Protein backbone atom coordinates (compact mmCIF):
# COMPACT_ATOMS: atom_id res chain seq x y z
CA MET A 1 -42.94 5.69 -19.14
CA ARG A 2 -41.90 7.51 -16.65
CA HIS A 3 -43.63 10.14 -13.85
CA SER A 4 -44.08 13.21 -15.31
CA ASN A 5 -43.12 14.33 -11.34
CA ARG A 6 -39.96 13.10 -11.85
CA THR A 7 -36.62 14.45 -12.47
CA LYS A 8 -33.30 13.51 -14.04
CA VAL A 9 -30.22 14.66 -13.26
CA GLU A 10 -28.21 16.18 -16.22
CA ARG A 11 -24.43 17.01 -15.99
CA PRO A 12 -24.71 20.43 -14.95
CA TYR A 13 -26.52 19.63 -11.25
CA ALA A 14 -24.12 16.77 -10.58
CA ALA A 15 -21.56 20.12 -10.77
CA LYS A 16 -23.19 22.02 -9.60
CA ALA A 17 -24.29 19.70 -6.74
CA GLY A 18 -21.12 18.63 -6.31
CA LEU A 19 -21.82 14.84 -5.65
CA GLY A 20 -21.37 12.75 -8.91
CA LEU A 21 -18.31 14.04 -10.44
CA ILE A 22 -16.47 14.26 -7.97
CA VAL A 23 -17.73 9.99 -6.53
CA LEU A 24 -17.32 8.64 -9.85
CA ALA A 25 -13.74 9.70 -10.15
CA TRP A 26 -11.47 7.10 -10.54
CA CYS A 27 -7.76 8.72 -9.86
CA VAL A 28 -7.42 9.74 -6.08
CA GLY A 29 -9.65 8.22 -3.60
CA ALA A 30 -10.93 5.73 -0.83
CA ASN A 31 -12.59 3.11 -1.51
CA ALA A 32 -15.77 1.87 0.97
CA PRO A 33 -15.24 -0.53 3.74
CA ALA A 34 -16.34 -3.98 2.85
CA ALA A 35 -19.34 -4.96 3.16
CA ALA A 36 -21.18 -6.81 6.37
CA ALA A 37 -22.20 -10.29 6.27
CA ASP A 38 -25.93 -10.99 5.74
CA LYS A 39 -27.36 -14.69 5.46
CA ALA A 40 -29.84 -12.96 3.37
CA PHE A 41 -28.09 -11.01 1.29
CA PRO A 42 -24.23 -12.32 1.37
CA ALA A 43 -21.30 -9.58 0.92
CA ILE A 44 -19.89 -9.89 -2.78
CA ASP A 45 -16.61 -7.58 -4.26
CA TRP A 46 -16.70 -5.11 -6.65
CA SER A 47 -13.63 -6.95 -8.72
CA GLU A 48 -15.66 -10.61 -8.40
CA MET A 49 -17.92 -8.41 -11.21
CA LEU A 50 -15.12 -8.62 -14.08
CA PRO A 51 -15.22 -11.15 -15.78
CA ALA A 52 -11.61 -13.09 -15.51
CA ASP A 53 -10.54 -11.31 -18.89
CA ASP A 54 -11.04 -7.63 -17.47
CA VAL A 55 -9.54 -8.70 -13.75
CA HIS A 56 -7.02 -6.81 -14.53
CA LEU A 57 -8.28 -3.38 -14.87
CA SER A 58 -8.37 -2.29 -11.91
CA ARG A 59 -8.26 1.09 -10.60
CA ALA A 60 -4.82 1.33 -9.62
CA GLY A 61 -4.51 -0.38 -13.90
CA LEU A 62 -6.99 1.80 -15.28
CA ALA A 63 -5.49 5.31 -14.20
CA ALA A 64 -1.64 3.40 -16.00
CA ASN A 65 -2.89 3.09 -18.87
CA PHE A 66 -4.50 5.88 -19.22
CA ALA A 67 -1.40 7.97 -18.28
CA ARG A 68 0.47 5.69 -20.44
CA LYS A 69 -1.29 6.08 -23.31
CA ARG A 70 -1.90 10.10 -22.23
CA GLY A 71 -5.34 9.94 -23.50
CA PHE A 72 -8.91 8.27 -23.80
CA GLU A 73 -11.84 7.66 -26.14
CA GLU A 74 -15.13 7.04 -24.98
CA ILE A 75 -16.39 3.90 -24.74
CA ASP A 76 -17.75 2.23 -27.77
CA SER A 77 -21.39 1.09 -26.63
CA SER A 78 -21.97 -1.65 -29.35
CA SER A 79 -19.27 -3.16 -28.10
CA ALA A 80 -18.52 -5.07 -24.85
CA GLY A 81 -14.69 -3.96 -24.71
CA TYR A 82 -12.73 -1.78 -23.87
CA GLY A 83 -10.87 1.68 -26.25
CA ILE A 84 -8.22 3.60 -24.88
CA GLY A 85 -7.15 6.46 -28.21
CA ALA A 86 -5.48 9.24 -28.25
CA GLU A 87 -7.88 12.42 -27.92
CA GLN A 88 -7.21 13.75 -25.01
CA SER A 89 -4.17 13.91 -23.70
CA ALA A 90 -4.10 13.71 -19.93
CA ALA A 91 -1.32 16.98 -19.25
CA SER A 92 -4.62 19.31 -21.46
CA ILE A 93 -7.05 18.29 -19.59
CA ASN A 94 -8.81 21.61 -17.38
CA HIS A 95 -9.65 19.98 -13.61
CA SER A 96 -10.98 23.64 -13.49
CA GLY A 97 -13.80 23.41 -15.32
CA SER A 98 -17.10 21.66 -15.26
CA THR A 99 -17.31 19.30 -18.41
CA PRO A 100 -16.62 15.73 -17.12
CA ALA A 101 -14.09 13.33 -18.31
CA LEU A 102 -15.30 10.35 -20.72
CA GLN A 103 -15.65 6.63 -19.28
CA PHE A 104 -14.28 4.70 -20.68
CA GLY A 105 -13.93 0.37 -19.71
CA SER A 106 -16.13 -2.50 -20.24
CA PHE A 107 -19.36 -3.77 -20.14
CA LYS A 108 -18.61 -7.10 -19.96
CA THR A 109 -19.96 -9.35 -16.94
CA VAL A 110 -20.03 -12.11 -14.51
CA LYS A 111 -23.54 -14.25 -15.86
CA THR A 112 -23.33 -16.02 -13.29
CA LEU A 113 -24.09 -13.47 -10.60
CA ASP A 114 -27.12 -12.86 -12.39
CA GLY A 115 -29.82 -13.01 -10.13
CA ARG A 116 -28.06 -14.01 -6.47
CA ARG A 117 -29.01 -11.33 -3.79
CA ALA A 118 -26.17 -9.99 -2.80
CA THR A 119 -24.47 -6.99 -0.87
CA LEU A 120 -22.33 -4.46 -2.04
CA SER A 121 -20.60 -1.18 -0.16
CA GLY A 122 -19.81 2.13 -1.74
CA PHE A 123 -20.96 5.72 -2.42
CA VAL A 124 -24.22 7.05 -4.20
CA VAL A 125 -24.48 8.82 -7.74
CA PRO A 126 -27.95 10.43 -7.87
CA VAL A 127 -29.15 9.68 -11.99
CA GLU A 128 -33.34 11.51 -11.63
CA THR A 129 -34.96 12.84 -8.04
CA ASP A 130 -38.70 13.57 -7.90
CA ASP A 131 -40.19 17.01 -7.74
CA GLN A 132 -39.33 17.16 -4.49
CA GLY A 133 -35.67 17.13 -4.70
CA ARG A 134 -35.44 13.18 -3.14
CA MET A 135 -33.29 10.55 -4.73
CA THR A 136 -35.49 8.22 -6.63
CA GLU A 137 -32.35 6.45 -9.05
CA PHE A 138 -28.12 6.39 -8.45
CA LEU A 139 -25.77 4.67 -9.55
CA PHE A 140 -23.87 2.88 -7.29
CA VAL A 141 -19.66 2.92 -7.12
CA PRO A 142 -16.81 1.57 -5.14
CA PHE A 143 -14.88 4.32 -4.66
CA PHE A 144 -15.09 7.72 -3.31
CA GLY A 145 -12.65 10.37 -5.54
CA ALA A 146 -10.80 13.92 -5.14
CA CYS A 147 -10.02 14.18 -9.05
CA ILE A 148 -13.44 15.28 -10.51
CA HIS A 149 -12.29 15.52 -14.32
CA VAL A 150 -11.06 12.09 -14.35
CA PRO A 151 -13.11 9.26 -16.26
CA PRO A 152 -15.84 7.52 -13.75
CA PRO A 153 -15.34 3.66 -13.97
CA PRO A 154 -15.60 1.36 -16.37
CA PRO A 155 -19.35 0.07 -16.21
CA ASN A 156 -19.41 -3.60 -15.27
CA GLN A 157 -18.07 -2.34 -11.57
CA MET A 158 -21.19 0.02 -11.27
CA VAL A 159 -24.65 -0.92 -10.25
CA TYR A 160 -27.72 1.06 -10.92
CA ALA A 161 -30.57 1.06 -8.53
CA ARG A 162 -34.46 2.49 -8.08
CA LEU A 163 -35.56 2.92 -4.71
CA ALA A 164 -39.16 1.70 -4.55
CA LYS A 165 -39.40 4.73 -1.77
CA PRO A 166 -37.58 8.55 -2.85
CA MET A 167 -35.01 9.21 -0.43
CA PRO A 168 -32.99 12.41 0.54
CA ALA A 169 -29.66 12.48 -1.47
CA PRO A 170 -26.63 12.19 0.28
CA GLU A 171 -23.46 13.41 1.83
CA ILE A 172 -20.91 12.89 -1.25
CA ALA A 173 -18.75 11.41 1.42
CA ASP A 174 -20.71 8.91 2.96
CA ALA A 175 -20.37 5.18 2.69
CA TYR A 176 -23.60 2.40 1.70
CA GLU A 177 -24.10 -0.53 1.44
CA LEU A 178 -26.65 -1.62 -1.83
CA GLN A 179 -28.21 -4.74 -0.68
CA GLY A 180 -30.81 -6.36 -3.23
CA THR A 181 -30.68 -9.44 -6.25
CA LEU A 182 -27.80 -7.97 -8.69
CA ARG A 183 -28.68 -8.27 -12.71
CA VAL A 184 -26.95 -8.53 -15.69
CA LYS A 185 -28.93 -5.27 -16.65
CA ARG A 186 -27.57 -2.04 -18.99
CA PHE A 187 -28.56 1.51 -17.80
CA ASP A 188 -26.91 4.80 -19.52
CA ALA A 189 -27.37 8.04 -17.80
CA GLU A 190 -25.92 11.07 -18.02
CA VAL A 191 -23.11 10.72 -15.92
CA ALA A 192 -22.18 7.22 -17.23
CA SER A 193 -22.88 3.37 -17.74
CA ALA A 194 -23.49 0.93 -15.58
CA ALA A 195 -23.74 -2.79 -16.62
CA TYR A 196 -25.24 -4.05 -13.58
CA ALA A 197 -28.83 -3.44 -11.66
CA MET A 198 -29.83 -3.74 -8.32
CA GLU A 199 -33.72 -4.82 -8.01
CA GLY A 200 -35.22 -4.40 -4.75
CA ALA A 201 -32.44 -2.17 -3.88
CA VAL A 202 -32.77 -1.18 0.03
CA LEU A 203 -29.26 1.51 0.78
CA VAL A 204 -27.53 0.81 4.19
CA LEU A 205 -25.32 3.79 6.06
CA LYS A 206 -22.71 2.65 6.90
CA LYS A 207 -21.82 3.96 10.01
């Protein structure tokens, strides 16, 4: 049970802070520089976290699928696959509102990554803070973008982590390296879901 002095970061917080939803953007954005080599925590690329049948689901491919189908449906939490329907017209998305886009994508993972010590490069989306406003838990994502109402990255392109020691929430455009032991473990947050988790997480600001 989580301690009562921790504050869960709800969607309105992410919208007001201009952080979570912007970092989660899957449209126009910049990817993080490759992680530096580390013998103890070797760098891995986000593409290595996609199973063979999901490799085609690149950032560009997902965007094209979204445009072609003119909408999307929320991911099926009971399925390992992904679905794209006609629930919402892309042309009718309200880019001036504060409602975040639904996530779509896959929960499929690369099982051989479970237990691997690794370093990932990406950006931070806080999901929980303590009573002093310091970040305690977060989602780690590969892209920082400018379209706040397009779907977040798929679950298998997101990593959940919990800090041993709280830290101030980072700036929205700051790129970080996340080091730790990668686990195939699902986590559901208000802003999105992750198919991976990082144990013993250490965040290092990229210079």
